N, C-alpha and C. Protein backbone atom coordinates (compact mmCIF):
# COMPACT_ATOMS: atom_id res chain seq x y z
N MET A 1 138.78 38.08 46.22
CA MET A 1 139.68 36.97 46.53
C MET A 1 139.08 36.08 47.63
N LEU A 2 138.51 36.73 48.66
CA LEU A 2 137.91 35.94 49.74
C LEU A 2 136.73 35.13 49.24
N GLN A 3 135.97 35.70 48.29
CA GLN A 3 134.85 34.96 47.72
C GLN A 3 135.33 33.74 46.94
N SER A 4 136.45 33.93 46.21
CA SER A 4 137.01 32.81 45.44
C SER A 4 137.49 31.71 46.38
N ILE A 5 138.11 32.11 47.47
CA ILE A 5 138.59 31.12 48.45
C ILE A 5 137.40 30.36 49.03
N ALA A 6 136.34 31.09 49.34
CA ALA A 6 135.15 30.44 49.91
C ALA A 6 134.51 29.48 48.92
N ARG A 7 134.45 29.88 47.64
CA ARG A 7 133.85 29.01 46.63
C ARG A 7 134.70 27.77 46.37
N GLY A 8 135.98 27.86 46.64
CA GLY A 8 136.85 26.71 46.39
C GLY A 8 136.67 25.57 47.36
N GLY A 9 136.01 25.82 48.49
CA GLY A 9 135.75 24.75 49.43
C GLY A 9 136.82 24.63 50.50
N VAL A 10 136.72 23.56 51.27
CA VAL A 10 137.58 23.37 52.44
C VAL A 10 139.04 23.17 52.05
N VAL A 11 139.31 22.64 50.86
CA VAL A 11 140.68 22.41 50.43
C VAL A 11 141.44 23.72 50.27
N MET A 12 140.73 24.82 50.10
CA MET A 12 141.40 26.12 49.96
C MET A 12 142.10 26.53 51.25
N ILE A 13 141.67 25.97 52.38
CA ILE A 13 142.31 26.31 53.66
C ILE A 13 143.76 25.83 53.70
N PRO A 14 144.04 24.52 53.45
CA PRO A 14 145.46 24.11 53.42
C PRO A 14 146.24 24.79 52.30
N LEU A 15 145.59 25.09 51.18
CA LEU A 15 146.29 25.80 50.11
C LEU A 15 146.70 27.20 50.55
N LEU A 16 145.81 27.87 51.27
CA LEU A 16 146.14 29.20 51.79
C LEU A 16 147.27 29.11 52.79
N LEU A 17 147.24 28.12 53.66
CA LEU A 17 148.32 27.93 54.63
C LEU A 17 149.64 27.64 53.92
N CYS A 18 149.58 26.83 52.87
CA CYS A 18 150.79 26.52 52.10
C CYS A 18 151.40 27.79 51.50
N SER A 19 150.56 28.66 50.98
CA SER A 19 151.07 29.89 50.37
C SER A 19 151.72 30.80 51.42
N ILE A 20 151.13 30.86 52.61
CA ILE A 20 151.69 31.70 53.67
C ILE A 20 153.03 31.15 54.13
N VAL A 21 153.08 29.83 54.38
CA VAL A 21 154.33 29.21 54.83
C VAL A 21 155.42 29.36 53.78
N ALA A 22 155.06 29.14 52.52
CA ALA A 22 156.04 29.26 51.45
C ALA A 22 156.60 30.67 51.35
N LEU A 23 155.75 31.67 51.54
CA LEU A 23 156.19 33.06 51.48
C LEU A 23 157.15 33.37 52.64
N ILE A 24 156.81 32.89 53.83
CA ILE A 24 157.67 33.11 55.00
C ILE A 24 159.03 32.46 54.80
N VAL A 25 159.02 31.20 54.34
CA VAL A 25 160.28 30.49 54.10
C VAL A 25 161.11 31.20 53.04
N THR A 26 160.46 31.66 52.00
CA THR A 26 161.17 32.35 50.91
C THR A 26 161.89 33.59 51.43
N VAL A 27 161.19 34.41 52.18
CA VAL A 27 161.79 35.65 52.69
C VAL A 27 162.94 35.34 53.65
N GLU A 28 162.71 34.39 54.57
CA GLU A 28 163.74 34.05 55.56
C GLU A 28 164.98 33.47 54.89
N ARG A 29 164.79 32.54 53.96
CA ARG A 29 165.93 31.91 53.29
C ARG A 29 166.67 32.91 52.39
N TRP A 30 165.92 33.78 51.74
CA TRP A 30 166.57 34.76 50.87
C TRP A 30 167.47 35.70 51.68
N LEU A 31 166.97 36.14 52.82
CA LEU A 31 167.77 37.02 53.68
C LEU A 31 169.00 36.28 54.22
N TYR A 32 168.80 35.03 54.64
CA TYR A 32 169.91 34.26 55.21
C TYR A 32 170.98 33.99 54.15
N LEU A 33 170.55 33.53 52.98
CA LEU A 33 171.51 33.17 51.94
C LEU A 33 172.17 34.40 51.33
N ARG A 34 171.45 35.50 51.29
CA ARG A 34 172.06 36.75 50.83
C ARG A 34 173.20 37.13 51.76
N HIS A 35 172.97 36.93 53.06
CA HIS A 35 174.01 37.22 54.05
C HIS A 35 175.15 36.21 53.94
N ALA A 36 174.79 34.94 53.73
CA ALA A 36 175.80 33.87 53.69
C ALA A 36 176.66 33.94 52.44
N ALA A 37 176.11 34.47 51.36
CA ALA A 37 176.83 34.49 50.08
C ALA A 37 177.61 35.78 49.87
N ALA A 38 177.94 36.46 50.97
CA ALA A 38 178.70 37.71 50.86
C ALA A 38 180.07 37.44 50.20
N ASP A 39 180.56 38.44 49.51
CA ASP A 39 181.86 38.32 48.82
C ASP A 39 182.96 38.10 49.84
N THR A 40 183.72 37.02 49.67
CA THR A 40 184.79 36.68 50.63
C THR A 40 186.18 37.00 50.09
N ALA A 41 186.25 37.67 48.94
CA ALA A 41 187.56 37.99 48.37
C ALA A 41 188.35 38.92 49.29
N ARG A 42 187.67 39.89 49.90
CA ARG A 42 188.36 40.81 50.81
C ARG A 42 188.88 40.07 52.04
N LEU A 43 188.08 39.14 52.54
CA LEU A 43 188.52 38.34 53.69
C LEU A 43 189.76 37.54 53.35
N MET A 44 189.78 36.94 52.17
CA MET A 44 190.96 36.17 51.77
C MET A 44 192.19 37.06 51.67
N GLY A 45 192.02 38.31 51.25
CA GLY A 45 193.14 39.23 51.20
C GLY A 45 193.72 39.47 52.58
N LYS A 46 192.84 39.64 53.59
CA LYS A 46 193.30 39.84 54.96
C LYS A 46 194.02 38.59 55.49
N ILE A 47 193.48 37.42 55.13
CA ILE A 47 194.10 36.17 55.59
C ILE A 47 195.50 36.01 54.99
N ARG A 48 195.63 36.30 53.72
CA ARG A 48 196.94 36.18 53.07
C ARG A 48 197.96 37.11 53.71
N LEU A 49 197.56 38.35 53.97
CA LEU A 49 198.48 39.31 54.59
C LEU A 49 198.91 38.83 55.98
N ALA A 50 197.95 38.32 56.74
CA ALA A 50 198.27 37.86 58.09
C ALA A 50 199.19 36.64 58.05
N LEU A 51 198.90 35.69 57.16
CA LEU A 51 199.74 34.50 57.09
C LEU A 51 201.11 34.81 56.52
N ASP A 52 201.21 35.80 55.66
CA ASP A 52 202.53 36.23 55.17
C ASP A 52 203.39 36.75 56.31
N ARG A 53 202.72 37.30 57.32
CA ARG A 53 203.45 37.78 58.50
C ARG A 53 203.63 36.68 59.54
N GLY A 54 203.13 35.46 59.20
CA GLY A 54 203.29 34.33 60.10
C GLY A 54 202.32 34.35 61.27
N SER A 55 201.21 35.04 61.14
CA SER A 55 200.26 35.17 62.25
C SER A 55 198.92 34.53 61.87
N SER A 56 198.77 33.27 62.23
CA SER A 56 197.49 32.60 61.98
C SER A 56 196.41 33.14 62.91
N GLU A 57 196.82 33.65 64.09
CA GLU A 57 195.85 34.23 65.02
C GLU A 57 195.20 35.48 64.44
N GLU A 58 196.00 36.31 63.79
CA GLU A 58 195.45 37.51 63.16
C GLU A 58 194.50 37.12 62.02
N ALA A 59 194.88 36.12 61.26
CA ALA A 59 194.02 35.65 60.18
C ALA A 59 192.71 35.09 60.74
N ARG A 60 192.81 34.37 61.83
CA ARG A 60 191.62 33.82 62.46
C ARG A 60 190.72 34.94 62.98
N GLY A 61 191.32 35.96 63.55
CA GLY A 61 190.54 37.09 64.05
C GLY A 61 189.77 37.78 62.94
N ALA A 62 190.38 37.88 61.76
CA ALA A 62 189.67 38.48 60.62
C ALA A 62 188.46 37.65 60.23
N CYS A 63 188.59 36.32 60.32
CA CYS A 63 187.46 35.44 60.00
C CYS A 63 186.36 35.56 61.04
N GLU A 64 186.75 35.63 62.31
CA GLU A 64 185.74 35.71 63.37
C GLU A 64 185.00 37.04 63.33
N ALA A 65 185.62 38.06 62.76
CA ALA A 65 184.96 39.36 62.64
C ALA A 65 184.05 39.43 61.42
N THR A 66 184.08 38.38 60.61
CA THR A 66 183.27 38.34 59.39
C THR A 66 182.14 37.33 59.56
N PRO A 67 180.90 37.72 59.35
CA PRO A 67 179.79 36.77 59.50
C PRO A 67 179.69 35.83 58.30
N GLY A 68 178.97 34.73 58.51
CA GLY A 68 178.70 33.82 57.40
C GLY A 68 179.39 32.48 57.55
N PRO A 69 178.88 31.46 56.87
CA PRO A 69 179.44 30.10 56.97
C PRO A 69 180.85 29.98 56.42
N VAL A 70 181.17 30.73 55.37
CA VAL A 70 182.51 30.65 54.79
C VAL A 70 183.53 31.10 55.83
N ALA A 71 183.27 32.22 56.47
CA ALA A 71 184.20 32.75 57.48
C ALA A 71 184.30 31.79 58.67
N ARG A 72 183.20 31.15 59.05
CA ARG A 72 183.24 30.22 60.18
C ARG A 72 184.12 29.02 59.86
N VAL A 73 183.99 28.49 58.66
CA VAL A 73 184.82 27.35 58.28
C VAL A 73 186.29 27.74 58.25
N LEU A 74 186.59 28.91 57.71
CA LEU A 74 187.98 29.36 57.64
C LEU A 74 188.53 29.63 59.04
N ALA A 75 187.72 30.20 59.92
CA ALA A 75 188.17 30.46 61.28
C ALA A 75 188.53 29.16 61.99
N SER A 76 187.67 28.14 61.82
CA SER A 76 187.95 26.84 62.45
C SER A 76 189.20 26.21 61.85
N THR A 77 189.38 26.36 60.56
CA THR A 77 190.58 25.81 59.90
C THR A 77 191.83 26.49 60.42
N LEU A 78 191.80 27.79 60.54
CA LEU A 78 192.96 28.54 61.02
C LEU A 78 193.23 28.28 62.49
N ALA A 79 192.19 27.95 63.25
CA ALA A 79 192.39 27.63 64.67
C ALA A 79 193.17 26.34 64.85
N HIS A 80 193.18 25.51 63.82
CA HIS A 80 193.91 24.23 63.88
C HIS A 80 195.07 24.21 62.88
N PHE A 81 195.61 25.38 62.60
CA PHE A 81 196.64 25.49 61.58
C PHE A 81 197.95 24.79 61.96
N HIS A 82 198.06 24.40 63.23
CA HIS A 82 199.26 23.70 63.69
C HIS A 82 199.25 22.23 63.27
N LEU A 83 198.10 21.73 62.82
CA LEU A 83 197.99 20.32 62.44
C LEU A 83 198.70 20.07 61.11
N PRO A 84 199.12 18.81 60.86
CA PRO A 84 199.62 18.46 59.54
C PRO A 84 198.56 18.73 58.47
N LYS A 85 199.00 18.98 57.27
CA LYS A 85 198.09 19.46 56.23
C LYS A 85 196.95 18.50 55.96
N GLU A 86 197.21 17.20 55.90
CA GLU A 86 196.15 16.25 55.60
C GLU A 86 195.12 16.18 56.73
N GLU A 87 195.59 16.24 57.97
CA GLU A 87 194.66 16.26 59.10
C GLU A 87 193.84 17.54 59.08
N LEU A 88 194.49 18.64 58.74
CA LEU A 88 193.80 19.91 58.65
C LEU A 88 192.73 19.87 57.56
N ARG A 89 193.05 19.24 56.45
CA ARG A 89 192.10 19.12 55.35
C ARG A 89 190.85 18.34 55.79
N GLU A 90 191.05 17.24 56.51
CA GLU A 90 189.92 16.44 56.97
C GLU A 90 189.08 17.21 57.98
N MET A 91 189.76 17.94 58.86
CA MET A 91 189.03 18.73 59.84
C MET A 91 188.19 19.81 59.17
N ALA A 92 188.78 20.47 58.17
CA ALA A 92 188.06 21.51 57.44
C ALA A 92 186.85 20.92 56.72
N ARG A 93 187.00 19.72 56.18
CA ARG A 93 185.88 19.07 55.49
C ARG A 93 184.73 18.79 56.47
N GLU A 94 185.07 18.35 57.68
CA GLU A 94 184.05 18.06 58.68
C GLU A 94 183.30 19.34 59.08
N VAL A 95 184.05 20.42 59.25
CA VAL A 95 183.42 21.69 59.63
C VAL A 95 182.51 22.18 58.50
N ALA A 96 182.96 22.03 57.26
CA ALA A 96 182.15 22.45 56.12
C ALA A 96 180.86 21.63 56.05
N LEU A 97 180.95 20.34 56.31
CA LEU A 97 179.76 19.49 56.30
C LEU A 97 178.79 19.89 57.41
N ALA A 98 179.32 20.34 58.54
CA ALA A 98 178.46 20.77 59.64
C ALA A 98 177.68 22.03 59.30
N GLU A 99 178.19 22.82 58.35
CA GLU A 99 177.49 24.04 57.93
C GLU A 99 176.37 23.74 56.93
N GLN A 100 176.39 22.59 56.30
CA GLN A 100 175.42 22.27 55.25
C GLN A 100 173.97 22.28 55.74
N PRO A 101 173.67 21.67 56.90
CA PRO A 101 172.27 21.70 57.35
C PRO A 101 171.72 23.11 57.52
N GLY A 102 172.56 24.04 57.98
CA GLY A 102 172.10 25.41 58.12
C GLY A 102 171.76 26.05 56.79
N LEU A 103 172.50 25.71 55.76
CA LEU A 103 172.22 26.25 54.44
C LEU A 103 170.95 25.65 53.84
N ASP A 104 170.71 24.37 54.12
CA ASP A 104 169.56 23.68 53.54
C ASP A 104 168.28 23.83 54.35
N ARG A 105 168.39 24.44 55.54
CA ARG A 105 167.26 24.50 56.46
C ARG A 105 166.03 25.11 55.78
N ARG A 106 164.91 24.46 55.97
CA ARG A 106 163.58 24.89 55.49
C ARG A 106 163.38 24.73 53.98
N LEU A 107 164.42 24.46 53.24
CA LEU A 107 164.22 24.23 51.81
C LEU A 107 163.40 22.97 51.53
N PRO A 108 163.58 21.88 52.32
CA PRO A 108 162.70 20.71 52.10
C PRO A 108 161.22 21.05 52.32
N ALA A 109 160.92 21.94 53.26
CA ALA A 109 159.53 22.34 53.47
C ALA A 109 159.00 23.07 52.24
N LEU A 110 159.82 23.93 51.66
CA LEU A 110 159.40 24.64 50.46
C LEU A 110 159.19 23.67 49.30
N ALA A 111 160.10 22.69 49.18
CA ALA A 111 159.95 21.68 48.12
C ALA A 111 158.68 20.87 48.31
N THR A 112 158.35 20.56 49.56
CA THR A 112 157.12 19.81 49.84
C THR A 112 155.88 20.60 49.44
N ILE A 113 155.89 21.90 49.75
CA ILE A 113 154.75 22.75 49.38
C ILE A 113 154.59 22.80 47.86
N VAL A 114 155.71 22.93 47.15
CA VAL A 114 155.66 22.96 45.69
C VAL A 114 155.07 21.66 45.15
N THR A 115 155.38 20.55 45.80
CA THR A 115 154.91 19.24 45.33
C THR A 115 153.44 19.01 45.63
N ILE A 116 153.01 19.35 46.84
CA ILE A 116 151.65 18.97 47.25
C ILE A 116 150.59 20.00 46.83
N SER A 117 150.99 21.22 46.53
CA SER A 117 149.98 22.24 46.19
C SER A 117 149.14 21.85 44.98
N PRO A 118 149.75 21.41 43.85
CA PRO A 118 148.91 20.98 42.72
C PRO A 118 148.03 19.77 43.06
N MET A 119 148.56 18.89 43.93
CA MET A 119 147.76 17.72 44.33
C MET A 119 146.56 18.14 45.15
N LEU A 120 146.77 19.09 46.08
CA LEU A 120 145.65 19.59 46.85
C LEU A 120 144.64 20.28 45.95
N GLY A 121 145.13 21.03 44.96
CA GLY A 121 144.23 21.67 44.02
C GLY A 121 143.40 20.67 43.25
N LEU A 122 144.05 19.60 42.80
CA LEU A 122 143.33 18.55 42.07
C LEU A 122 142.32 17.85 42.98
N LEU A 123 142.72 17.63 44.23
CA LEU A 123 141.79 17.01 45.19
C LEU A 123 140.55 17.87 45.37
N GLY A 124 140.74 19.18 45.50
CA GLY A 124 139.59 20.06 45.65
C GLY A 124 138.71 20.07 44.43
N THR A 125 139.32 20.02 43.25
CA THR A 125 138.55 20.00 42.00
C THR A 125 137.72 18.72 41.89
N VAL A 126 138.37 17.58 42.17
CA VAL A 126 137.65 16.30 42.10
C VAL A 126 136.51 16.26 43.10
N ALA A 127 136.77 16.75 44.31
CA ALA A 127 135.71 16.77 45.33
C ALA A 127 134.56 17.67 44.87
N GLY A 128 134.90 18.81 44.27
CA GLY A 128 133.86 19.70 43.78
C GLY A 128 133.04 19.08 42.66
N LEU A 129 133.71 18.40 41.73
CA LEU A 129 133.00 17.75 40.62
C LEU A 129 132.09 16.64 41.12
N ILE A 130 132.55 15.92 42.14
CA ILE A 130 131.71 14.86 42.71
C ILE A 130 130.43 15.46 43.28
N ARG A 131 130.57 16.59 43.98
CA ARG A 131 129.39 17.25 44.53
C ARG A 131 128.44 17.71 43.41
N ILE A 132 129.04 18.22 42.33
CA ILE A 132 128.22 18.70 41.20
C ILE A 132 127.43 17.55 40.58
N PHE A 133 128.10 16.42 40.34
CA PHE A 133 127.41 15.29 39.71
C PHE A 133 126.34 14.70 40.62
N HIS A 134 126.60 14.74 41.94
CA HIS A 134 125.55 14.30 42.87
C HIS A 134 124.35 15.23 42.78
N ALA A 135 124.65 16.53 42.64
CA ALA A 135 123.56 17.49 42.53
C ALA A 135 122.78 17.29 41.23
N VAL A 136 123.51 17.00 40.14
CA VAL A 136 122.85 16.74 38.85
C VAL A 136 121.95 15.51 38.95
N ALA A 137 122.51 14.47 39.59
CA ALA A 137 121.72 13.24 39.74
C ALA A 137 120.46 13.48 40.55
N GLY A 138 120.55 14.41 41.48
CA GLY A 138 119.39 14.70 42.32
C GLY A 138 118.55 15.85 41.80
N ASP A 139 118.83 16.29 40.57
CA ASP A 139 118.08 17.38 39.94
C ASP A 139 118.18 18.69 40.73
N SER A 140 119.31 18.87 41.47
CA SER A 140 119.48 20.11 42.22
C SER A 140 119.96 21.23 41.31
N ILE A 141 120.58 20.87 40.21
CA ILE A 141 121.03 21.87 39.25
C ILE A 141 120.13 21.75 38.03
N GLY A 142 119.40 22.79 37.75
CA GLY A 142 118.40 22.68 36.71
C GLY A 142 118.78 23.26 35.38
N SER A 143 119.98 23.81 35.25
CA SER A 143 120.33 24.44 33.99
C SER A 143 121.81 24.25 33.70
N ALA A 144 122.14 24.39 32.40
CA ALA A 144 123.55 24.28 32.01
C ALA A 144 124.36 25.40 32.62
N ALA A 145 123.75 26.59 32.78
CA ALA A 145 124.46 27.72 33.38
C ALA A 145 124.85 27.41 34.82
N GLY A 146 123.93 26.79 35.54
CA GLY A 146 124.24 26.42 36.93
C GLY A 146 125.33 25.38 36.99
N LEU A 147 125.30 24.42 36.07
CA LEU A 147 126.32 23.39 36.03
C LEU A 147 127.68 24.00 35.71
N SER A 148 127.72 24.91 34.74
CA SER A 148 128.98 25.56 34.37
C SER A 148 129.56 26.35 35.54
N LYS A 149 128.66 27.02 36.27
CA LYS A 149 129.12 27.77 37.43
C LYS A 149 129.73 26.85 38.48
N GLY A 150 129.10 25.72 38.68
CA GLY A 150 129.63 24.77 39.66
C GLY A 150 130.99 24.23 39.26
N ILE A 151 131.15 23.94 37.97
CA ILE A 151 132.43 23.43 37.50
C ILE A 151 133.53 24.49 37.63
N SER A 152 133.19 25.73 37.30
CA SER A 152 134.18 26.80 37.39
C SER A 152 134.64 26.99 38.83
N GLU A 153 133.68 26.85 39.76
CA GLU A 153 134.04 26.97 41.17
C GLU A 153 134.95 25.82 41.60
N ALA A 154 134.68 24.63 41.07
CA ALA A 154 135.53 23.48 41.41
C ALA A 154 136.94 23.68 40.88
N LEU A 155 137.08 24.32 39.73
CA LEU A 155 138.39 24.51 39.12
C LEU A 155 139.22 25.58 39.84
N ILE A 156 138.58 26.33 40.73
CA ILE A 156 139.34 27.32 41.51
C ILE A 156 140.45 26.65 42.29
N CYS A 157 140.20 25.46 42.80
CA CYS A 157 141.22 24.75 43.58
C CYS A 157 142.43 24.40 42.71
N THR A 158 142.19 23.93 41.50
CA THR A 158 143.30 23.61 40.60
C THR A 158 144.11 24.87 40.30
N PHE A 159 143.41 25.96 40.01
CA PHE A 159 144.10 27.21 39.74
C PHE A 159 144.95 27.64 40.94
N ALA A 160 144.38 27.55 42.13
CA ALA A 160 145.10 27.96 43.33
C ALA A 160 146.35 27.11 43.55
N GLY A 161 146.18 25.79 43.36
CA GLY A 161 147.34 24.90 43.54
C GLY A 161 148.47 25.21 42.59
N LEU A 162 148.14 25.44 41.32
CA LEU A 162 149.17 25.77 40.34
C LEU A 162 149.74 27.16 40.57
N ALA A 163 148.89 28.10 41.01
CA ALA A 163 149.37 29.45 41.28
C ALA A 163 150.37 29.48 42.42
N ILE A 164 150.26 28.53 43.34
CA ILE A 164 151.24 28.42 44.42
C ILE A 164 152.49 27.68 43.94
N ALA A 165 152.30 26.56 43.25
CA ALA A 165 153.42 25.69 42.89
C ALA A 165 154.37 26.32 41.88
N VAL A 166 153.85 26.95 40.86
CA VAL A 166 154.70 27.44 39.77
C VAL A 166 155.69 28.51 40.23
N PRO A 167 155.25 29.61 40.86
CA PRO A 167 156.24 30.62 41.27
C PRO A 167 157.18 30.13 42.35
N PHE A 168 156.67 29.32 43.28
CA PHE A 168 157.54 28.87 44.36
C PHE A 168 158.50 27.77 43.89
N LEU A 169 158.20 27.10 42.79
CA LEU A 169 159.19 26.19 42.20
C LEU A 169 160.38 26.99 41.67
N VAL A 170 160.08 28.11 41.03
CA VAL A 170 161.16 29.00 40.56
C VAL A 170 161.97 29.51 41.74
N VAL A 171 161.28 29.90 42.80
CA VAL A 171 161.96 30.40 44.00
C VAL A 171 162.84 29.31 44.61
N TYR A 172 162.29 28.11 44.70
CA TYR A 172 163.06 27.00 45.29
C TYR A 172 164.34 26.74 44.50
N ASN A 173 164.24 26.71 43.18
CA ASN A 173 165.42 26.47 42.35
C ASN A 173 166.45 27.59 42.52
N ALA A 174 165.97 28.83 42.65
CA ALA A 174 166.89 29.95 42.84
C ALA A 174 167.60 29.85 44.19
N LEU A 175 166.86 29.47 45.24
CA LEU A 175 167.47 29.33 46.56
C LEU A 175 168.45 28.16 46.58
N ALA A 176 168.08 27.05 45.93
CA ALA A 176 168.99 25.90 45.87
C ALA A 176 170.28 26.26 45.14
N ALA A 177 170.16 27.06 44.08
CA ALA A 177 171.35 27.51 43.36
C ALA A 177 172.21 28.40 44.24
N LYS A 178 171.56 29.21 45.08
CA LYS A 178 172.30 30.07 46.01
C LYS A 178 173.06 29.23 47.02
N VAL A 179 172.43 28.17 47.50
CA VAL A 179 173.11 27.26 48.43
C VAL A 179 174.34 26.65 47.77
N ASP A 180 174.20 26.20 46.53
CA ASP A 180 175.34 25.64 45.80
C ASP A 180 176.46 26.65 45.66
N THR A 181 176.11 27.91 45.44
CA THR A 181 177.13 28.95 45.33
C THR A 181 177.91 29.10 46.63
N VAL A 182 177.20 29.08 47.76
CA VAL A 182 177.86 29.21 49.06
C VAL A 182 178.75 28.00 49.33
N VAL A 183 178.24 26.81 49.02
CA VAL A 183 179.03 25.58 49.23
C VAL A 183 180.30 25.62 48.39
N ASN A 184 180.17 26.03 47.15
CA ASN A 184 181.35 26.13 46.28
C ASN A 184 182.33 27.16 46.79
N ASP A 185 181.81 28.25 47.35
CA ASP A 185 182.69 29.28 47.91
C ASP A 185 183.43 28.75 49.12
N ILE A 186 182.75 27.96 49.95
CA ILE A 186 183.42 27.34 51.10
C ILE A 186 184.57 26.46 50.64
N GLU A 187 184.30 25.63 49.63
CA GLU A 187 185.33 24.73 49.12
C GLU A 187 186.51 25.51 48.53
N LEU A 188 186.19 26.55 47.77
CA LEU A 188 187.24 27.33 47.13
C LEU A 188 188.12 28.03 48.16
N ARG A 189 187.49 28.74 49.11
CA ARG A 189 188.26 29.50 50.08
C ARG A 189 189.03 28.59 51.03
N THR A 190 188.44 27.44 51.37
CA THR A 190 189.15 26.49 52.24
C THR A 190 190.38 25.94 51.53
N THR A 191 190.24 25.62 50.26
CA THR A 191 191.37 25.13 49.48
C THR A 191 192.47 26.19 49.39
N GLU A 192 192.08 27.44 49.22
CA GLU A 192 193.07 28.52 49.16
C GLU A 192 193.83 28.64 50.47
N VAL A 193 193.11 28.54 51.59
CA VAL A 193 193.78 28.61 52.89
C VAL A 193 194.70 27.42 53.10
N LEU A 194 194.25 26.24 52.71
CA LEU A 194 195.09 25.05 52.86
C LEU A 194 196.35 25.16 52.00
N ASN A 195 196.22 25.77 50.84
CA ASN A 195 197.40 25.94 49.98
C ASN A 195 198.39 26.94 50.56
N LEU A 196 197.91 27.81 51.47
CA LEU A 196 198.80 28.75 52.14
C LEU A 196 199.48 28.13 53.37
N HIS A 197 199.04 26.94 53.73
CA HIS A 197 199.51 26.29 54.97
C HIS A 197 201.02 26.13 55.00
N ALA A 198 201.58 25.61 53.93
CA ALA A 198 203.02 25.33 53.94
C ALA A 198 203.85 26.60 53.96
N GLY A 199 203.35 27.67 53.37
CA GLY A 199 204.16 28.88 53.30
C GLY A 199 203.80 29.91 54.33
N ALA A 200 203.08 29.51 55.35
CA ALA A 200 202.61 30.50 56.32
C ALA A 200 203.52 30.66 57.51
N GLY A 201 204.61 29.95 57.53
CA GLY A 201 205.51 30.05 58.66
C GLY A 201 205.04 29.24 59.85
N ILE A 202 204.07 28.35 59.63
CA ILE A 202 203.55 27.49 60.69
C ILE A 202 204.11 26.09 60.48
N PRO A 203 204.58 25.43 61.53
CA PRO A 203 205.12 24.09 61.35
C PRO A 203 204.06 23.12 60.83
N ILE A 204 204.46 22.31 59.87
CA ILE A 204 203.53 21.34 59.26
C ILE A 204 203.70 19.97 59.94
């Protein structure tokens, strides 16, 4: 592998860095989103029981004891449960929007790596072919076998770029879908809490 990287030329250095960064982002985002996308059905059960008893504080405490963006949005909503329903709805929307950057964090970097890796690979291939043709023009390569070897080495960059872009494109789409799942869960659970507002024994 190290020999292949060396034969690929200087462009293999940014490609190698791209693969390392993409792997780090993938692991970090997967762990974060796995934590963020935890099942909130049990939390909603606790909230309903607390609000049936007329205790928004107890419901809020259950949210604060639960990690994740969904619980944070619900905790903030319950902390302002004394507000009129429409004002509460707007406040909940603002809190949900504030959670979005945390969910999307580092995904643009992964998307950038997926986009530029094939371009870097093509750049390395073109640079390698230019060197080969200069060598041919100067009679530095004396045989078809030598020329073929040079071309194959130039194509290492294209292979590396695609080898990075293809799997991490799949990863990016999977992580983006996970983000959408969390966002939809926030909207669903917030709507459920707002629908409990009138019947919770709290003045509207």
